PDB file of all heavy atoms in Angstrom:
ATOM      1  N   PHE A   1       0.873  -1.174   0.000  1.00  0.00           N
ATOM      2  CA  PHE A   1       0.000   0.000   0.000  1.00  0.00           C
ATOM      3  C   PHE A   1       0.909   1.222   0.000  1.00  0.00           C
ATOM      4  O   PHE A   1       1.503   1.562   1.022  1.00  0.00           O
ATOM      5  CB  PHE A   1      -0.892  -0.046   1.241  1.00  0.00           C
ATOM      6  CG  PHE A   1      -2.101   0.851   1.181  1.00  0.00           C
ATOM      7  CD1 PHE A   1      -2.772   1.094   0.001  1.00  0.00           C
ATOM      8  CD2 PHE A   1      -2.574   1.434   2.346  1.00  0.00           C
ATOM      9  CE1 PHE A   1      -3.893   1.904  -0.038  1.00  0.00           C
ATOM     10  CE2 PHE A   1      -3.701   2.241   2.331  1.00  0.00           C
ATOM     11  CZ  PHE A   1      -4.360   2.479   1.134  1.00  0.00           C
ATOM     12  N   LEU A   2       1.030   1.885  -1.142  1.00  0.00           N
ATOM     13  CA  LEU A   2       2.037   2.921  -1.340  1.00  0.00           C
ATOM     14  C   LEU A   2       1.389   4.261  -1.642  1.00  0.00           C
ATOM     15  O   LEU A   2       0.294   4.324  -2.201  1.00  0.00           O
ATOM     16  CB  LEU A   2       2.964   2.537  -2.500  1.00  0.00           C
ATOM     17  CG  LEU A   2       3.505   1.107  -2.522  1.00  0.00           C
ATOM     18  CD1 LEU A   2       4.354   0.888  -3.767  1.00  0.00           C
ATOM     19  CD2 LEU A   2       4.305   0.812  -1.268  1.00  0.00           C
ATOM     20  N   GLY A   3       2.098   5.329  -1.305  1.00  0.00           N
ATOM     21  CA  GLY A   3       1.617   6.667  -1.612  1.00  0.00           C
ATOM     22  C   GLY A   3       2.436   7.709  -0.883  1.00  0.00           C
ATOM     23  O   GLY A   3       3.059   7.420   0.141  1.00  0.00           O
ATOM     24  N   PRO A   4       2.444   8.948  -1.386  1.00  0.00           N
ATOM     25  CA  PRO A   4       3.164  10.022  -0.705  1.00  0.00           C
ATOM     26  C   PRO A   4       2.538  10.340   0.650  1.00  0.00           C
ATOM     27  O   PRO A   4       1.435   9.878   0.969  1.00  0.00           O
ATOM     28  CB  PRO A   4       3.012  11.217  -1.667  1.00  0.00           C
ATOM     29  CG  PRO A   4       2.515  10.655  -2.954  1.00  0.00           C
ATOM     30  CD  PRO A   4       1.781   9.399  -2.612  1.00  0.00           C
ATOM     31  N   ASN A   5       3.229  11.154   1.434  1.00  0.00           N
ATOM     32  CA  ASN A   5       2.651  11.625   2.692  1.00  0.00           C
ATOM     33  C   ASN A   5       1.327  12.329   2.413  1.00  0.00           C
ATOM     34  O   ASN A   5       1.215  13.128   1.480  1.00  0.00           O
ATOM     35  CB  ASN A   5       3.604  12.606   3.393  1.00  0.00           C
ATOM     36  CG  ASN A   5       4.849  11.925   3.907  1.00  0.00           C
ATOM     37  OD1 ASN A   5       4.844  10.751   4.208  1.00  0.00           O
ATOM     38  ND2 ASN A   5       5.941  12.682   4.002  1.00  0.00           N
ATOM     39  N   GLY A   6       0.317  12.016   3.220  1.00  0.00           N
ATOM     40  CA  GLY A   6      -0.973  12.655   3.049  1.00  0.00           C
ATOM     41  C   GLY A   6      -1.865  12.034   1.995  1.00  0.00           C
ATOM     42  O   GLY A   6      -2.954  12.554   1.717  1.00  0.00           O
ATOM     43  N   ALA A   7      -1.440  10.916   1.427  1.00  0.00           N
ATOM     44  CA  ALA A   7      -2.233  10.282   0.377  1.00  0.00           C
ATOM     45  C   ALA A   7      -3.503   9.643   0.914  1.00  0.00           C
ATOM     46  O   ALA A   7      -4.474   9.458   0.178  1.00  0.00           O
ATOM     47  CB  ALA A   7      -1.392   9.229  -0.357  1.00  0.00           C
ATOM     48  N   GLY A   8      -3.506   9.267   2.206  1.00  0.00           N
ATOM     49  CA  GLY A   8      -4.668   8.636   2.801  1.00  0.00           C
ATOM     50  C   GLY A   8      -4.433   7.214   3.258  1.00  0.00           C
ATOM     51  O   GLY A   8      -5.378   6.513   3.626  1.00  0.00           O
ATOM     52  N   LYS A   9      -3.180   6.776   3.283  1.00  0.00           N
ATOM     53  CA  LYS A   9      -2.883   5.382   3.643  1.00  0.00           C
ATOM     54  C   LYS A   9      -3.250   5.086   5.096  1.00  0.00           C
ATOM     55  O   LYS A   9      -3.955   4.123   5.381  1.00  0.00           O
ATOM     56  CB  LYS A   9      -1.391   5.085   3.395  1.00  0.00           C
ATOM     57  CG  LYS A   9      -0.913   5.334   1.977  1.00  0.00           C
ATOM     58  CD  LYS A   9       0.533   4.899   1.766  1.00  0.00           C
ATOM     59  CE  LYS A   9       1.518   5.596   2.693  1.00  0.00           C
ATOM     60  NZ  LYS A   9       1.522   7.079   2.522  1.00  0.00           N
ATOM     61  N   THR A  10      -2.758   5.906   6.011  1.00  0.00           N
ATOM     62  CA  THR A  10      -3.021   5.653   7.431  1.00  0.00           C
ATOM     63  C   THR A  10      -4.506   5.797   7.740  1.00  0.00           C
ATOM     64  O   THR A  10      -5.068   5.009   8.508  1.00  0.00           O
ATOM     65  CB  THR A  10      -2.188   6.615   8.295  1.00  0.00           C
ATOM     66  OG1 THR A  10      -0.794   6.290   8.146  1.00  0.00           O
ATOM     67  CG2 THR A  10      -2.552   6.491   9.767  1.00  0.00           C
ATOM     68  N   THR A  11      -5.166   6.777   7.140  1.00  0.00           N
ATOM     69  CA  THR A  11      -6.612   6.929   7.331  1.00  0.00           C
ATOM     70  C   THR A  11      -7.346   5.678   6.875  1.00  0.00           C
ATOM     71  O   THR A  11      -8.255   5.183   7.555  1.00  0.00           O
ATOM     72  CB  THR A  11      -7.126   8.154   6.560  1.00  0.00           C
ATOM     73  OG1 THR A  11      -6.500   9.327   7.070  1.00  0.00           O
ATOM     74  CG2 THR A  11      -8.632   8.288   6.702  1.00  0.00           C
ATOM     75  N   THR A  12      -6.946   5.138   5.735  1.00  0.00           N
ATOM     76  CA  THR A  12      -7.570   3.917   5.218  1.00  0.00           C
ATOM     77  C   THR A  12      -7.391   2.769   6.199  1.00  0.00           C
ATOM     78  O   THR A  12      -8.346   2.042   6.513  1.00  0.00           O
ATOM     79  CB  THR A  12      -6.963   3.532   3.860  1.00  0.00           C
ATOM     80  OG1 THR A  12      -7.193   4.585   2.919  1.00  0.00           O
ATOM     81  CG2 THR A  12      -7.580   2.247   3.325  1.00  0.00           C
ATOM     82  N   LEU A  13      -6.189   2.583   6.700  1.00  0.00           N
ATOM     83  CA  LEU A  13      -5.936   1.480   7.616  1.00  0.00           C
ATOM     84  C   LEU A  13      -6.679   1.668   8.937  1.00  0.00           C
ATOM     85  O   LEU A  13      -7.155   0.693   9.530  1.00  0.00           O
ATOM     86  CB  LEU A  13      -4.431   1.334   7.870  1.00  0.00           C
ATOM     87  CG  LEU A  13      -3.574   0.990   6.647  1.00  0.00           C
ATOM     88  CD1 LEU A  13      -2.145   0.672   7.081  1.00  0.00           C
ATOM     89  CD2 LEU A  13      -4.152  -0.170   5.866  1.00  0.00           C
ATOM     90  N   ARG A  14      -6.795   2.887   9.395  1.00  0.00           N
ATOM     91  CA  ARG A  14      -7.555   3.131  10.630  1.00  0.00           C
ATOM     92  C   ARG A  14      -9.037   2.844  10.420  1.00  0.00           C
ATOM     93  O   ARG A  14      -9.712   2.353  11.330  1.00  0.00           O
ATOM     94  CB  ARG A  14      -7.334   4.574  11.096  1.00  0.00           C
ATOM     95  CG  ARG A  14      -5.937   4.801  11.667  1.00  0.00           C
ATOM     96  CD  ARG A  14      -5.718   6.249  12.059  1.00  0.00           C
ATOM     97  NE  ARG A  14      -4.390   6.427  12.645  1.00  0.00           N
ATOM     98  CZ  ARG A  14      -3.861   7.613  12.956  1.00  0.00           C
ATOM     99  NH1 ARG A  14      -4.550   8.719  12.734  1.00  0.00           N
ATOM    100  NH2 ARG A  14      -2.655   7.690  13.479  1.00  0.00           N
ATOM    101  N   CYS A  15      -9.546   3.145   9.234  1.00  0.00           N
ATOM    102  CA  CYS A  15     -10.935   2.775   8.928  1.00  0.00           C
ATOM    103  C   CYS A  15     -11.092   1.254   8.900  1.00  0.00           C
ATOM    104  O   CYS A  15     -12.049   0.701   9.446  1.00  0.00           O
ATOM    105  CB  CYS A  15     -11.359   3.369   7.591  1.00  0.00           C
ATOM    106  SG  CYS A  15     -11.626   5.156   7.591  1.00  0.00           S
ATOM    107  N   CYS A  16     -10.150   0.583   8.253  1.00  0.00           N
ATOM    108  CA  CYS A  16     -10.249  -0.874   8.122  1.00  0.00           C
ATOM    109  C   CYS A  16     -10.134  -1.584   9.465  1.00  0.00           C
ATOM    110  O   CYS A  16     -10.664  -2.685   9.634  1.00  0.00           O
ATOM    111  CB  CYS A  16      -9.172  -1.389   7.169  1.00  0.00           C
ATOM    112  SG  CYS A  16      -9.419  -0.921   5.452  1.00  0.00           S
ATOM    113  N   SER A  17      -9.454  -0.972  10.417  1.00  0.00           N
ATOM    114  CA  SER A  17      -9.307  -1.579  11.735  1.00  0.00           C
ATOM    115  C   SER A  17     -10.437  -1.202  12.681  1.00  0.00           C
ATOM    116  O   SER A  17     -10.509  -1.727  13.797  1.00  0.00           O
ATOM    117  CB  SER A  17      -7.971  -1.157  12.355  1.00  0.00           C
ATOM    118  OG  SER A  17      -7.966   0.233  12.626  1.00  0.00           O
ATOM    119  N   GLY A  18     -11.308  -0.290  12.251  1.00  0.00           N
ATOM    120  CA  GLY A  18     -12.406   0.137  13.104  1.00  0.00           C
ATOM    121  C   GLY A  18     -12.085   1.309  14.006  1.00  0.00           C
ATOM    122  O   GLY A  18     -12.914   1.692  14.828  1.00  0.00           O
ATOM    123  N   LEU A  19     -10.912   1.903  13.870  1.00  0.00           N
ATOM    124  CA  LEU A  19     -10.540   3.045  14.705  1.00  0.00           C
ATOM    125  C   LEU A  19     -11.197   4.338  14.234  1.00  0.00           C
ATOM    126  O   LEU A  19     -11.378   5.271  15.015  1.00  0.00           O
ATOM    127  CB  LEU A  19      -9.024   3.222  14.728  1.00  0.00           C
ATOM    128  CG  LEU A  19      -8.232   2.097  15.398  1.00  0.00           C
ATOM    129  CD1 LEU A  19      -6.738   2.346  15.261  1.00  0.00           C
ATOM    130  CD2 LEU A  19      -8.613   1.974  16.864  1.00  0.00           C
ATOM    131  N   LEU A  20     -11.524   4.420  12.941  1.00  0.00           N
ATOM    132  CA  LEU A  20     -12.249   5.558  12.391  1.00  0.00           C
ATOM    133  C   LEU A  20     -13.541   5.060  11.769  1.00  0.00           C
ATOM    134  O   LEU A  20     -13.578   3.969  11.194  1.00  0.00           O
ATOM    135  CB  LEU A  20     -11.416   6.279  11.322  1.00  0.00           C
ATOM    136  CG  LEU A  20     -10.185   7.060  11.788  1.00  0.00           C
ATOM    137  CD1 LEU A  20      -9.481   7.682  10.585  1.00  0.00           C
ATOM    138  CD2 LEU A  20     -10.556   8.122  12.801  1.00  0.00           C
ATOM    139  N   ARG A  21     -14.580   5.870  11.856  1.00  0.00           N
ATOM    140  CA  ARG A  21     -15.874   5.505  11.293  1.00  0.00           C
ATOM    141  C   ARG A  21     -15.934   5.934   9.826  1.00  0.00           C
ATOM    142  O   ARG A  21     -15.521   7.036   9.465  1.00  0.00           O
ATOM    143  CB  ARG A  21     -16.998   6.175  12.080  1.00  0.00           C
ATOM    144  CG  ARG A  21     -18.401   5.781  11.645  1.00  0.00           C
ATOM    145  CD  ARG A  21     -19.432   6.363  12.578  1.00  0.00           C
ATOM    146  NE  ARG A  21     -19.260   5.841  13.931  1.00  0.00           N
ATOM    147  CZ  ARG A  21     -19.953   6.275  14.980  1.00  0.00           C
ATOM    148  NH1 ARG A  21     -20.824   7.269  14.832  1.00  0.00           N
ATOM    149  NH2 ARG A  21     -19.752   5.740  16.174  1.00  0.00           N
ATOM    150  N   LEU A  22     -16.485   5.075   9.003  1.00  0.00           N
ATOM    151  CA  LEU A  22     -16.603   5.362   7.575  1.00  0.00           C
ATOM    152  C   LEU A  22     -17.675   6.411   7.308  1.00  0.00           C
ATOM    153  O   LEU A  22     -18.682   6.474   7.998  1.00  0.00           O
ATOM    154  CB  LEU A  22     -16.987   4.093   6.815  1.00  0.00           C
ATOM    155  CG  LEU A  22     -16.001   2.924   6.808  1.00  0.00           C
ATOM    156  CD1 LEU A  22     -16.592   1.774   6.018  1.00  0.00           C
ATOM    157  CD2 LEU A  22     -14.678   3.339   6.227  1.00  0.00           C
ATOM    158  N   ASP A  23     -17.467   7.202   6.251  1.00  0.00           N
ATOM    159  CA  ASP A  23     -18.525   8.059   5.735  1.00  0.00           C
ATOM    160  C   ASP A  23     -19.438   7.277   4.789  1.00  0.00           C
ATOM    161  O   ASP A  23     -20.626   7.564   4.669  1.00  0.00           O
ATOM    162  CB  ASP A  23     -17.923   9.254   4.985  1.00  0.00           C
ATOM    163  CG  ASP A  23     -17.131  10.165   5.911  1.00  0.00           C
ATOM    164  OD1 ASP A  23     -17.641  10.484   6.998  1.00  0.00           O
ATOM    165  OD2 ASP A  23     -16.013  10.534   5.555  1.00  0.00           O
ATOM    166  N   ALA A  24     -18.844   6.302   4.088  1.00  0.00           N
ATOM    167  CA  ALA A  24     -19.605   5.490   3.140  1.00  0.00           C
ATOM    168  C   ALA A  24     -18.806   4.235   2.851  1.00  0.00           C
ATOM    169  O   ALA A  24     -17.618   4.155   3.156  1.00  0.00           O
ATOM    170  CB  ALA A  24     -19.867   6.266   1.845  1.00  0.00           C
ATOM    171  N   GLY A  25     -19.489   3.254   2.249  1.00  0.00           N
ATOM    172  CA  GLY A  25     -18.791   2.046   1.829  1.00  0.00           C
ATOM    173  C   GLY A  25     -18.848   0.937   2.857  1.00  0.00           C
ATOM    174  O   GLY A  25     -19.562   1.030   3.866  1.00  0.00           O
ATOM    175  N   GLU A  26     -18.082  -0.120   2.608  1.00  0.00           N
ATOM    176  CA  GLU A  26     -18.117  -1.304   3.451  1.00  0.00           C
ATOM    177  C   GLU A  26     -16.730  -1.920   3.542  1.00  0.00           C
ATOM    178  O   GLU A  26     -15.977  -1.917   2.571  1.00  0.00           O
ATOM    179  CB  GLU A  26     -19.096  -2.336   2.874  1.00  0.00           C
ATOM    180  CG  GLU A  26     -19.286  -3.560   3.758  1.00  0.00           C
ATOM    181  CD  GLU A  26     -20.318  -4.520   3.199  1.00  0.00           C
ATOM    182  OE1 GLU A  26     -20.307  -4.768   1.978  1.00  0.00           O
ATOM    183  OE2 GLU A  26     -21.139  -5.024   4.000  1.00  0.00           O
ATOM    184  N   ILE A  27     -16.428  -2.457   4.707  1.00  0.00           N
ATOM    185  CA  ILE A  27     -15.170  -3.167   4.941  1.00  0.00           C
ATOM    186  C   ILE A  27     -15.513  -4.581   5.373  1.00  0.00           C
ATOM    187  O   ILE A  27     -16.280  -4.787   6.313  1.00  0.00           O
ATOM    188  CB  ILE A  27     -14.330  -2.466   6.015  1.00  0.00           C
ATOM    189  CG1 ILE A  27     -13.844  -1.110   5.492  1.00  0.00           C
ATOM    190  CG2 ILE A  27     -13.143  -3.329   6.440  1.00  0.00           C
ATOM    191  CD1 ILE A  27     -13.315  -0.205   6.559  1.00  0.00           C
ATOM    192  N   VAL A  28     -14.946  -5.557   4.678  1.00  0.00           N
ATOM    193  CA  VAL A  28     -15.182  -6.972   4.978  1.00  0.00           C
ATOM    194  C   VAL A  28     -13.839  -7.633   5.243  1.00  0.00           C
ATOM    195  O   VAL A  28     -12.917  -7.509   4.430  1.00  0.00           O
ATOM    196  CB  VAL A  28     -15.907  -7.686   3.820  1.00  0.00           C
ATOM    197  CG1 VAL A  28     -16.124  -9.158   4.154  1.00  0.00           C
ATOM    198  CG2 VAL A  28     -17.237  -7.001   3.523  1.00  0.00           C
ATOM    199  N   ILE A  29     -13.718  -8.298   6.380  1.00  0.00           N
ATOM    200  CA  ILE A  29     -12.472  -8.968   6.762  1.00  0.00           C
ATOM    201  C   ILE A  29     -12.761 -10.456   6.896  1.00  0.00           C
ATOM    202  O   ILE A  29     -13.509 -10.870   7.783  1.00  0.00           O
ATOM    203  CB  ILE A  29     -11.926  -8.405   8.088  1.00  0.00           C
ATOM    204  CG1 ILE A  29     -11.656  -6.900   7.947  1.00  0.00           C
ATOM    205  CG2 ILE A  29     -10.641  -9.137   8.486  1.00  0.00           C
ATOM    206  CD1 ILE A  29     -11.319  -6.223   9.254  1.00  0.00           C
ATOM    207  N   ALA A  30     -12.192 -11.235   5.984  1.00  0.00           N
ATOM    208  CA  ALA A  30     -12.361 -12.689   5.999  1.00  0.00           C
ATOM    209  C   ALA A  30     -13.834 -13.077   6.094  1.00  0.00           C
ATOM    210  O   ALA A  30     -14.213 -13.935   6.892  1.00  0.00           O
ATOM    211  CB  ALA A  30     -11.559 -13.312   7.137  1.00  0.00           C
ATOM    212  N   GLY A  31     -14.657 -12.407   5.287  1.00  0.00           N
ATOM    213  CA  GLY A  31     -16.069 -12.745   5.217  1.00  0.00           C
ATOM    214  C   GLY A  31     -16.953 -12.080   6.247  1.00  0.00           C
ATOM    215  O   GLY A  31     -18.174 -12.293   6.243  1.00  0.00           O
ATOM    216  N   ARG A  32     -16.393 -11.272   7.131  1.00  0.00           N
ATOM    217  CA  ARG A  32     -17.170 -10.609   8.186  1.00  0.00           C
ATOM    218  C   ARG A  32     -17.190  -9.097   7.954  1.00  0.00           C
ATOM    219  O   ARG A  32     -16.139  -8.462   7.863  1.00  0.00           O
ATOM    220  CB  ARG A  32     -16.573 -10.903   9.558  1.00  0.00           C
ATOM    221  CG  ARG A  32     -16.488 -12.390   9.882  1.00  0.00           C
ATOM    222  CD  ARG A  32     -17.857 -12.968  10.190  1.00  0.00           C
ATOM    223  NE  ARG A  32     -17.783 -14.372  10.565  1.00  0.00           N
ATOM    224  CZ  ARG A  32     -18.732 -15.026  11.220  1.00  0.00           C
ATOM    225  NH1 ARG A  32     -19.832 -14.396  11.559  1.00  0.00           N
ATOM    226  NH2 ARG A  32     -18.586 -16.305  11.516  1.00  0.00           N
ATOM    227  N   ALA A  33     -18.384  -8.526   7.848  1.00  0.00           N
ATOM    228  CA  ALA A  33     -18.531  -7.089   7.639  1.00  0.00           C
ATOM    229  C   ALA A  33     -18.244  -6.349   8.941  1.00  0.00           C
ATOM    230  O   ALA A  33     -18.853  -6.633   9.974  1.00  0.00           O
ATOM    231  CB  ALA A  33     -19.929  -6.761   7.139  1.00  0.00           C
ATOM    232  N   LEU A  34     -17.341  -5.404   8.886  1.00  0.00           N
ATOM    233  CA  LEU A  34     -16.916  -4.697  10.095  1.00  0.00           C
ATOM    234  C   LEU A  34     -18.073  -3.946  10.751  1.00  0.00           C
ATOM    235  O   LEU A  34     -18.187  -3.917  11.980  1.00  0.00           O
ATOM    236  CB  LEU A  34     -15.779  -3.727   9.757  1.00  0.00           C
ATOM    237  CG  LEU A  34     -15.152  -2.948  10.904  1.00  0.00           C
ATOM    238  CD1 LEU A  34     -14.534  -3.881  11.933  1.00  0.00           C
ATOM    239  CD2 LEU A  34     -14.101  -1.975  10.384  1.00  0.00           C
ATOM    240  N   ALA A  35     -18.966  -3.354   9.959  1.00  0.00           N
ATOM    241  CA  ALA A  35     -20.057  -2.567  10.526  1.00  0.00           C
ATOM    242  C   ALA A  35     -21.097  -3.448  11.214  1.00  0.00           C
ATOM    243  O   ALA A  35     -21.655  -3.066  12.243  1.00  0.00           O
ATOM    244  CB  ALA A  35     -20.728  -1.732   9.427  1.00  0.00           C
ATOM    245  N   ARG A  36     -21.353  -4.632  10.651  1.00  0.00           N
ATOM    246  CA  ARG A  36     -22.417  -5.485  11.182  1.00  0.00           C
ATOM    247  C   ARG A  36     -21.917  -6.501  12.211  1.00  0.00           C
ATOM    248  O   ARG A  36     -22.664  -6.919  13.093  1.00  0.00           O
ATOM    249  CB  ARG A  36     -23.105  -6.226  10.031  1.00  0.00           C
ATOM    250  CG  ARG A  36     -23.837  -5.308   9.072  1.00  0.00           C
ATOM    251  CD  ARG A  36     -24.693  -6.099   8.093  1.00  0.00           C
ATOM    252  NE  ARG A  36     -23.901  -6.982   7.257  1.00  0.00           N
ATOM    253  CZ  ARG A  36     -23.336  -6.604   6.109  1.00  0.00           C
ATOM    254  NH1 ARG A  36     -23.476  -5.352   5.694  1.00  0.00           N
ATOM    255  NH2 ARG A  36     -22.639  -7.456   5.389  1.00  0.00           N
ATOM    256  N   GLU A  37     -20.662  -6.924  12.071  1.00  0.00           N
ATOM    257  CA  GLU A  37     -20.094  -7.921  12.978  1.00  0.00           C
ATOM    258  C   GLU A  37     -18.720  -7.448  13.455  1.00  0.00           C
ATOM    259  O   GLU A  37     -17.702  -8.041  13.128  1.00  0.00           O
ATOM    260  CB  GLU A  37     -19.960  -9.265  12.262  1.00  0.00           C
ATOM    261  CG  GLU A  37     -21.265  -9.813  11.700  1.00  0.00           C
ATOM    262  CD  GLU A  37     -21.025 -11.062  10.875  1.00  0.00           C
ATOM    263  OE1 GLU A  37     -20.580 -10.928   9.715  1.00  0.00           O
ATOM    264  OE2 GLU A  37     -21.275 -12.177  11.385  1.00  0.00           O
ATOM    265  N   PRO A  38     -18.678  -6.361  14.222  1.00  0.00           N
ATOM    266  CA  PRO A  38     -17.381  -5.751  14.550  1.00  0.00           C
ATOM    267  C   PRO A  38     -16.440  -6.664  15.322  1.00  0.00           C
ATOM    268  O   PRO A  38     -15.234  -6.688  15.034  1.00  0.00           O
ATOM    269  CB  PRO A  38     -17.771  -4.514  15.370  1.00  0.00           C
ATOM    270  CG  PRO A  38     -19.157  -4.796  15.869  1.00  0.00           C
ATOM    271  CD  PRO A  38     -19.803  -5.615  14.808  1.00  0.00           C
ATOM    272  N   LEU A  39     -16.948  -7.413  16.289  1.00  0.00           N
ATOM    273  CA  LEU A  39     -16.056  -8.265  17.072  1.00  0.00           C
ATOM    274  C   LEU A  39     -15.519  -9.418  16.226  1.00  0.00           C
ATOM    275  O   LEU A  39     -14.338  -9.759  16.296  1.00  0.00           O
ATOM    276  CB  LEU A  39     -16.788  -8.805  18.306  1.00  0.00           C
ATOM    277  CG  LEU A  39     -17.155  -7.762  19.363  1.00  0.00           C
ATOM    278  CD1 LEU A  39     -17.865  -8.439  20.535  1.00  0.00           C
ATOM    279  CD2 LEU A  39     -15.923  -7.018  19.849  1.00  0.00           C
ATOM    280  N   GLU A  40     -16.395 -10.034  15.429  1.00  0.00           N
ATOM    281  CA  GLU A  40     -15.966 -11.146  14.583  1.00  0.00           C
ATOM    282  C   GLU A  40     -14.964 -10.676  13.529  1.00  0.00           C
ATOM    283  O   GLU A  40     -13.985 -11.369  13.231  1.00  0.00           O
ATOM    284  CB  GLU A  40     -17.177 -11.792  13.902  1.00  0.00           C
ATOM    285  CG  GLU A  40     -18.110 -12.519  14.856  1.00  0.00           C
ATOM    286  CD  GLU A  40     -19.121 -11.579  15.500  1.00  0.00           C
ATOM    287  OE1 GLU A  40     -19.000 -10.362  15.323  1.00  0.00           O
ATOM    288  OE2 GLU A  40     -20.031 -12.092  16.185  1.00  0.00           O
ATOM    289  N   ALA A  41     -15.202  -9.492  12.950  1.00  0.00           N
ATOM    290  CA  ALA A  41     -14.283  -8.962  11.941  1.00  0.00           C
ATOM    291  C   ALA A  41     -12.922  -8.648  12.549  1.00  0.00           C
ATOM    292  O   ALA A  41     -11.873  -9.020  12.007  1.00  0.00           O
ATOM    293  CB  ALA A  41     -14.883  -7.720  11.289  1.00  0.00           C
ATOM    294  N   ARG A  42     -12.930  -7.967  13.707  1.00  0.00           N
ATOM    295  CA  ARG A  42     -11.658  -7.602  14.346  1.00  0.00           C
ATOM    296  C   ARG A  42     -10.887  -8.834  14.818  1.00  0.00           C
ATOM    297  O   ARG A  42      -9.652  -8.817  14.858  1.00  0.00           O
ATOM    298  CB  ARG A  42     -11.916  -6.665  15.524  1.00  0.00           C
ATOM    299  CG  ARG A  42     -12.352  -5.267  15.128  1.00  0.00           C
ATOM    300  CD  ARG A  42     -12.333  -4.353  16.345  1.00  0.00           C
ATOM    301  NE  ARG A  42     -12.721  -3.004  16.018  1.00  0.00           N
ATOM    302  CZ  ARG A  42     -13.922  -2.485  16.265  1.00  0.00           C
ATOM    303  NH1 ARG A  42     -14.855  -3.241  16.831  1.00  0.00           N
ATOM    304  NH2 ARG A  42     -14.194  -1.235  15.964  1.00  0.00           N
TER     305      ARG A  42
END
């Protein structure tokens, strides 16, 4: 996952880990949707 400073990499990873709330879209980790099954996804 590459990009210059400020590209949005860390923000993306914080969203994927559940540390930041999404404005839109969906994150699925190994078949578990983070929004609907947060403990199972994490």
